[in-house]
Structures are given as C-alpha cells and as structure tokens.
PDB file of all heavy atoms in Angstrom:
ATOM      1  N   ASP A   1      30.858 123.225 120.421  1.00  0.00           N
ATOM      2  CA  ASP A   1      30.530 124.297 121.352  1.00  0.00           C
ATOM      3  C   ASP A   1      31.570 125.438 121.296  1.00  0.00           C
ATOM      4  O   ASP A   1      31.244 126.552 121.664  1.00  0.00           O
ATOM      5  CB  ASP A   1      30.446 123.754 122.783  1.00  0.00           C
ATOM      6  CG  ASP A   1      29.213 122.850 122.983  1.00  0.00           C
ATOM      7  OD1 ASP A   1      28.374 122.829 122.098  1.00  0.00           O
ATOM      8  OD2 ASP A   1      29.150 122.157 124.045  1.00  0.00           O
ATOM      9  N   GLU A   2      32.781 125.109 120.837  1.00  0.00           N
ATOM     10  CA  GLU A   2      33.818 126.117 120.770  1.00  0.00           C
ATOM     11  C   GLU A   2      33.921 126.752 119.394  1.00  0.00           C
ATOM     12  O   GLU A   2      34.504 127.818 119.218  1.00  0.00           O
ATOM     13  CB  GLU A   2      35.161 125.479 121.129  1.00  0.00           C
ATOM     14  CG  GLU A   2      36.326 126.408 121.368  1.00  0.00           C
ATOM     15  CD  GLU A   2      36.254 127.133 122.700  1.00  0.00           C
ATOM     16  OE1 GLU A   2      35.433 126.739 123.584  1.00  0.00           O
ATOM     17  OE2 GLU A   2      36.984 128.139 122.864  1.00  0.00           O
ATOM     18  N   ALA A   3      33.354 126.075 118.398  1.00  0.00           N
ATOM     19  CA  ALA A   3      33.466 126.528 116.993  1.00  0.00           C
ATOM     20  C   ALA A   3      32.693 127.791 116.704  1.00  0.00           C
ATOM     21  O   ALA A   3      31.730 128.103 117.400  1.00  0.00           O
ATOM     22  CB  ALA A   3      33.042 125.381 116.045  1.00  0.00           C
ATOM     23  N   THR A   4      33.099 128.441 115.666  1.00  0.00           N
ATOM     24  CA  THR A   4      32.420 129.622 115.163  1.00  0.00           C
ATOM     25  C   THR A   4      31.613 129.269 113.890  1.00  0.00           C
ATOM     26  O   THR A   4      31.797 128.183 113.344  1.00  0.00           O
ATOM     27  CB  THR A   4      33.385 130.773 114.840  1.00  0.00           C
ATOM     28  OG1 THR A   4      34.236 130.314 113.798  1.00  0.00           O
ATOM     29  CG2 THR A   4      34.195 131.165 116.070  1.00  0.00           C
ATOM     30  N   ASP A   5      30.795 130.151 113.418  1.00  0.00           N
ATOM     31  CA  ASP A   5      30.040 129.867 112.174  1.00  0.00           C
ATOM     32  C   ASP A   5      30.932 129.562 110.970  1.00  0.00           C
ATOM     33  O   ASP A   5      30.577 128.751 110.125  1.00  0.00           O
ATOM     34  CB  ASP A   5      29.121 131.071 111.835  1.00  0.00           C
ATOM     35  CG  ASP A   5      28.012 131.250 112.840  1.00  0.00           C
ATOM     36  OD1 ASP A   5      27.671 130.247 113.532  1.00  0.00           O
ATOM     37  OD2 ASP A   5      27.480 132.365 112.953  1.00  0.00           O
ATOM     38  N   SER A   6      32.098 130.182 110.973  1.00  0.00           N
ATOM     39  CA  SER A   6      32.998 130.031 109.825  1.00  0.00           C
ATOM     40  C   SER A   6      33.729 128.677 109.836  1.00  0.00           C
ATOM     41  O   SER A   6      34.122 128.179 108.783  1.00  0.00           O
ATOM     42  CB  SER A   6      33.992 131.157 109.775  1.00  0.00           C
ATOM     43  OG  SER A   6      34.785 131.133 110.963  1.00  0.00           O
ATOM     44  N   ASN A   7      33.955 128.092 111.024  1.00  0.00           N
ATOM     45  CA  ASN A   7      34.729 126.822 111.026  1.00  0.00           C
ATOM     46  C   ASN A   7      33.982 125.606 111.538  1.00  0.00           C
ATOM     47  O   ASN A   7      34.534 124.547 111.689  1.00  0.00           O
ATOM     48  CB  ASN A   7      36.060 127.003 111.791  1.00  0.00           C
ATOM     49  CG  ASN A   7      35.820 127.414 113.247  1.00  0.00           C
ATOM     50  OD1 ASN A   7      34.763 127.188 113.822  1.00  0.00           O
ATOM     51  ND2 ASN A   7      36.848 128.122 113.813  1.00  0.00           N
ATOM     52  N   ARG A   8      32.661 125.797 111.805  1.00  0.00           N
ATOM     53  CA  ARG A   8      31.886 124.666 112.352  1.00  0.00           C
ATOM     54  C   ARG A   8      31.842 123.474 111.390  1.00  0.00           C
ATOM     55  O   ARG A   8      31.905 122.323 111.814  1.00  0.00           O
ATOM     56  CB  ARG A   8      30.467 125.142 112.734  1.00  0.00           C
ATOM     57  CG  ARG A   8      29.647 124.096 113.452  1.00  0.00           C
ATOM     58  CD  ARG A   8      28.392 124.685 114.084  1.00  0.00           C
ATOM     59  NE  ARG A   8      28.690 125.325 115.360  1.00  0.00           N
ATOM     60  CZ  ARG A   8      28.694 126.640 115.554  1.00  0.00           C
ATOM     61  NH1 ARG A   8      28.386 127.461 114.574  1.00  0.00           N
ATOM     62  NH2 ARG A   8      28.978 127.137 116.736  1.00  0.00           N
ATOM     63  N   VAL A   9      31.790 123.786 110.095  1.00  0.00           N
ATOM     64  CA  VAL A   9      31.685 122.697 109.110  1.00  0.00           C
ATOM     65  C   VAL A   9      32.998 121.886 109.019  1.00  0.00           C
ATOM     66  O   VAL A   9      33.022 120.766 108.458  1.00  0.00           O
ATOM     67  CB  VAL A   9      31.336 123.220 107.714  1.00  0.00           C
ATOM     68  CG1 VAL A   9      29.910 123.763 107.729  1.00  0.00           C
ATOM     69  CG2 VAL A   9      32.319 124.284 107.257  1.00  0.00           C
ATOM     70  N   LYS A  10      34.096 122.450 109.511  1.00  0.00           N
ATOM     71  CA  LYS A  10      35.439 121.797 109.412  1.00  0.00           C
ATOM     72  C   LYS A  10      35.721 120.924 110.596  1.00  0.00           C
ATOM     73  O   LYS A  10      36.761 120.241 110.647  1.00  0.00           O
ATOM     74  CB  LYS A  10      36.546 122.862 109.308  1.00  0.00           C
ATOM     75  CG  LYS A  10      36.434 123.779 108.083  1.00  0.00           C
ATOM     76  CD  LYS A  10      37.529 124.799 108.116  1.00  0.00           C
ATOM     77  CE  LYS A  10      37.389 125.804 106.973  1.00  0.00           C
ATOM     78  NZ  LYS A  10      38.425 126.881 107.084  1.00  0.00           N
ATOM     79  N   VAL A  11      34.838 120.946 111.636  1.00  0.00           N
ATOM     80  CA  VAL A  11      35.135 120.276 112.895  1.00  0.00           C
ATOM     81  C   VAL A  11      35.459 118.805 112.760  1.00  0.00           C
ATOM     82  O   VAL A  11      36.467 118.299 113.286  1.00  0.00           O
ATOM     83  CB  VAL A  11      33.969 120.474 113.915  1.00  0.00           C
ATOM     84  CG1 VAL A  11      34.032 119.470 115.039  1.00  0.00           C
ATOM     85  CG2 VAL A  11      34.009 121.893 114.484  1.00  0.00           C
ATOM     86  N   ARG A  12      34.652 118.030 111.980  1.00  0.00           N
ATOM     87  CA  ARG A  12      34.895 116.626 111.826  1.00  0.00           C
ATOM     88  C   ARG A  12      36.249 116.332 111.120  1.00  0.00           C
ATOM     89  O   ARG A  12      36.947 115.410 111.481  1.00  0.00           O
ATOM     90  CB  ARG A  12      33.746 115.949 111.094  1.00  0.00           C
ATOM     91  CG  ARG A  12      32.509 115.709 111.958  1.00  0.00           C
ATOM     92  CD  ARG A  12      31.470 114.916 111.241  1.00  0.00           C
ATOM     93  NE  ARG A  12      30.319 114.682 112.081  1.00  0.00           N
ATOM     94  CZ  ARG A  12      30.214 113.631 112.898  1.00  0.00           C
ATOM     95  NH1 ARG A  12      31.166 112.743 112.978  1.00  0.00           N
ATOM     96  NH2 ARG A  12      29.110 113.442 113.608  1.00  0.00           N
ATOM     97  N   ASP A  13      36.544 117.168 110.102  1.00  0.00           N
ATOM     98  CA  ASP A  13      37.850 116.985 109.423  1.00  0.00           C
ATOM     99  C   ASP A  13      39.004 117.257 110.384  1.00  0.00           C
ATOM    100  O   ASP A  13      40.001 116.553 110.328  1.00  0.00           O
ATOM    101  CB  ASP A  13      37.922 117.927 108.213  1.00  0.00           C
ATOM    102  CG  ASP A  13      36.977 117.504 107.092  1.00  0.00           C
ATOM    103  OD1 ASP A  13      36.629 116.291 107.074  1.00  0.00           O
ATOM    104  OD2 ASP A  13      36.646 118.335 106.249  1.00  0.00           O
ATOM    105  N   MET A  14      38.848 118.304 111.206  1.00  0.00           N
ATOM    106  CA  MET A  14      39.917 118.641 112.172  1.00  0.00           C
ATOM    107  C   MET A  14      40.089 117.501 113.153  1.00  0.00           C
ATOM    108  O   MET A  14      41.232 117.101 113.446  1.00  0.00           O
ATOM    109  CB  MET A  14      39.547 119.915 112.905  1.00  0.00           C
ATOM    110  CG  MET A  14      39.632 121.182 112.040  1.00  0.00           C
ATOM    111  SD  MET A  14      39.013 122.651 112.938  1.00  0.00           S
ATOM    112  CE  MET A  14      40.335 122.916 114.147  1.00  0.00           C
ATOM    113  N   LEU A  15      38.998 116.932 113.668  1.00  0.00           N
ATOM    114  CA  LEU A  15      39.092 115.802 114.609  1.00  0.00           C
ATOM    115  C   LEU A  15      39.763 114.639 113.969  1.00  0.00           C
ATOM    116  O   LEU A  15      40.571 113.956 114.605  1.00  0.00           O
ATOM    117  CB  LEU A  15      37.709 115.432 115.146  1.00  0.00           C
ATOM    118  CG  LEU A  15      37.102 116.409 116.172  1.00  0.00           C
ATOM    119  CD1 LEU A  15      35.651 116.049 116.434  1.00  0.00           C
ATOM    120  CD2 LEU A  15      37.885 116.374 117.465  1.00  0.00           C
ATOM    121  N   GLY A  16      39.433 114.388 112.676  1.00  0.00           N
ATOM    122  CA  GLY A  16      40.044 113.274 111.963  1.00  0.00           C
ATOM    123  C   GLY A  16      41.536 113.428 111.877  1.00  0.00           C
ATOM    124  O   GLY A  16      42.293 112.429 112.000  1.00  0.00           O
ATOM    125  N   SER A  17      42.023 114.640 111.639  1.00  0.00           N
ATOM    126  CA  SER A  17      43.468 114.847 111.557  1.00  0.00           C
ATOM    127  C   SER A  17      44.170 114.650 112.874  1.00  0.00           C
ATOM    128  O   SER A  17      45.402 114.452 112.930  1.00  0.00           O
ATOM    129  CB  SER A  17      43.756 116.290 110.999  1.00  0.00           C
ATOM    130  OG  SER A  17      43.389 117.224 111.952  1.00  0.00           O
ATOM    131  N   PHE A  18      43.395 114.709 113.983  1.00  0.00           N
ATOM    132  CA  PHE A  18      43.954 114.442 115.309  1.00  0.00           C
ATOM    133  C   PHE A  18      43.597 113.012 115.795  1.00  0.00           C
ATOM    134  O   PHE A  18      43.605 112.696 116.963  1.00  0.00           O
ATOM    135  CB  PHE A  18      43.445 115.476 116.325  1.00  0.00           C
ATOM    136  CG  PHE A  18      44.206 116.763 116.267  1.00  0.00           C
ATOM    137  CD1 PHE A  18      43.948 117.722 115.323  1.00  0.00           C
ATOM    138  CD2 PHE A  18      45.212 117.044 117.195  1.00  0.00           C
ATOM    139  CE1 PHE A  18      44.634 118.895 115.201  1.00  0.00           C
ATOM    140  CE2 PHE A  18      45.920 118.222 117.142  1.00  0.00           C
ATOM    141  CZ  PHE A  18      45.648 119.179 116.157  1.00  0.00           C
ATOM    142  N   LEU A  19      43.289 112.150 114.828  1.00  0.00           N
ATOM    143  CA  LEU A  19      43.048 110.719 115.038  1.00  0.00           C
ATOM    144  C   LEU A  19      41.728 110.406 115.786  1.00  0.00           C
ATOM    145  O   LEU A  19      41.594 109.341 116.375  1.00  0.00           O
ATOM    146  CB  LEU A  19      44.229 110.040 115.761  1.00  0.00           C
ATOM    147  CG  LEU A  19      45.598 110.187 115.117  1.00  0.00           C
ATOM    148  CD1 LEU A  19      46.666 109.481 115.909  1.00  0.00           C
ATOM    149  CD2 LEU A  19      45.576 109.681 113.692  1.00  0.00           C
ATOM    150  N   PHE A  20      40.762 111.321 115.791  1.00  0.00           N
ATOM    151  CA  PHE A  20      39.445 111.047 116.337  1.00  0.00           C
ATOM    152  C   PHE A  20      38.494 110.882 115.142  1.00  0.00           C
ATOM    153  O   PHE A  20      38.024 111.828 114.528  1.00  0.00           O
ATOM    154  CB  PHE A  20      38.973 112.212 117.200  1.00  0.00           C
ATOM    155  CG  PHE A  20      39.815 112.442 118.424  1.00  0.00           C
ATOM    156  CD1 PHE A  20      40.556 113.615 118.542  1.00  0.00           C
ATOM    157  CD2 PHE A  20      39.881 111.508 119.444  1.00  0.00           C
ATOM    158  CE1 PHE A  20      41.366 113.848 119.659  1.00  0.00           C
ATOM    159  CE2 PHE A  20      40.645 111.741 120.561  1.00  0.00           C
ATOM    160  CZ  PHE A  20      41.407 112.885 120.682  1.00  0.00           C
ATOM    161  N   ARG A  21      38.241 109.584 114.784  1.00  0.00           N
ATOM    162  CA  ARG A  21      37.524 109.315 113.545  1.00  0.00           C
ATOM    163  C   ARG A  21      36.284 108.455 113.782  1.00  0.00           C
ATOM    164  O   ARG A  21      36.240 107.714 114.797  1.00  0.00           O
ATOM    165  CB  ARG A  21      38.447 108.569 112.536  1.00  0.00           C
ATOM    166  CG  ARG A  21      39.597 109.473 112.093  1.00  0.00           C
ATOM    167  CD  ARG A  21      40.723 108.680 111.440  1.00  0.00           C
ATOM    168  NE  ARG A  21      41.810 109.571 111.071  1.00  0.00           N
ATOM    169  CZ  ARG A  21      43.081 109.162 110.895  1.00  0.00           C
ATOM    170  NH1 ARG A  21      43.360 107.897 111.047  1.00  0.00           N
ATOM    171  NH2 ARG A  21      44.026 110.027 110.595  1.00  0.00           N
ATOM    172  N   GLY A  22      35.340 108.567 112.879  1.00  0.00           N
ATOM    173  CA  GLY A  22      34.140 107.723 112.926  1.00  0.00           C
ATOM    174  C   GLY A  22      33.402 107.858 114.221  1.00  0.00           C
ATOM    175  O   GLY A  22      33.147 109.003 114.707  1.00  0.00           O
ATOM    176  N   ASP A  23      33.007 106.745 114.796  1.00  0.00           N
ATOM    177  CA  ASP A  23      32.197 106.743 116.050  1.00  0.00           C
ATOM    178  C   ASP A  23      32.993 107.241 117.265  1.00  0.00           C
ATOM    179  O   ASP A  23      32.408 107.528 118.302  1.00  0.00           O
ATOM    180  CB  ASP A  23      31.672 105.333 116.348  1.00  0.00           C
ATOM    181  CG  ASP A  23      30.670 104.859 115.319  1.00  0.00           C
ATOM    182  OD1 ASP A  23      30.118 105.744 114.621  1.00  0.00           O
ATOM    183  OD2 ASP A  23      30.488 103.633 115.182  1.00  0.00           O
ATOM    184  N   GLN A  24      34.324 107.341 117.152  1.00  0.00           N
ATOM    185  CA  GLN A  24      35.153 107.810 118.262  1.00  0.00           C
ATOM    186  C   GLN A  24      34.740 109.199 118.716  1.00  0.00           C
ATOM    187  O   GLN A  24      34.896 109.514 119.937  1.00  0.00           O
ATOM    188  CB  GLN A  24      36.627 107.848 117.871  1.00  0.00           C
ATOM    189  CG  GLN A  24      37.261 106.436 117.801  1.00  0.00           C
ATOM    190  CD  GLN A  24      38.753 106.553 117.498  1.00  0.00           C
ATOM    191  OE1 GLN A  24      39.165 107.339 116.622  1.00  0.00           O
ATOM    192  NE2 GLN A  24      39.556 105.767 118.164  1.00  0.00           N
ATOM    193  N   VAL A  25      34.238 110.015 117.826  1.00  0.00           N
ATOM    194  CA  VAL A  25      33.893 111.431 118.192  1.00  0.00           C
ATOM    195  C   VAL A  25      32.703 111.476 119.158  1.00  0.00           C
ATOM    196  O   VAL A  25      32.451 112.497 119.768  1.00  0.00           O
ATOM    197  CB  VAL A  25      33.594 112.271 116.952  1.00  0.00           C
ATOM    198  CG1 VAL A  25      34.817 112.350 116.030  1.00  0.00           C
ATOM    199  CG2 VAL A  25      32.352 111.778 116.205  1.00  0.00           C
ATOM    200  N   ASP A  26      31.985 110.338 119.305  1.00  0.00           N
ATOM    201  CA  ASP A  26      30.848 110.280 120.242  1.00  0.00           C
ATOM    202  C   ASP A  26      31.255 109.830 121.652  1.00  0.00           C
ATOM    203  O   ASP A  26      30.381 109.718 122.541  1.00  0.00           O
ATOM    204  CB  ASP A  26      29.777 109.367 119.677  1.00  0.00           C
ATOM    205  CG  ASP A  26      29.194 109.915 118.365  1.00  0.00           C
ATOM    206  OD1 ASP A  26      29.022 111.139 118.265  1.00  0.00           O
ATOM    207  OD2 ASP A  26      28.925 109.103 117.448  1.00  0.00           O
ATOM    208  N   LYS A  27      32.568 109.563 121.827  1.00  0.00           N
ATOM    209  CA  LYS A  27      33.055 109.184 123.160  1.00  0.00           C
ATOM    210  C   LYS A  27      32.987 110.396 124.086  1.00  0.00           C
ATOM    211  O   LYS A  27      33.240 111.515 123.645  1.00  0.00           O
ATOM    212  CB  LYS A  27      34.504 108.720 123.101  1.00  0.00           C
ATOM    213  CG  LYS A  27      34.749 107.302 122.630  1.00  0.00           C
ATOM    214  CD  LYS A  27      36.251 107.003 122.721  1.00  0.00           C
ATOM    215  CE  LYS A  27      36.562 105.630 122.280  1.00  0.00           C
ATOM    216  NZ  LYS A  27      37.999 105.368 122.384  1.00  0.00           N
TER     217      LYS A  27
END
C-alpha cells in the first residue's frame, strides 16, 4: 500500500532483508 510503481516488485525482497520471509509476510 505504501509502494510506488517503481519499487512494488522489490517489496518481498525488502521484507526478506528485514527477516520477514515466506508465510511470515501474511501475518
């Protein structure tokens, strides 16, 4: 919801680097 068109595709990678991985992102 905060991402822009240019960085939306990077969201999962960014979350992974902050230790939110796999199914955790659905919490």
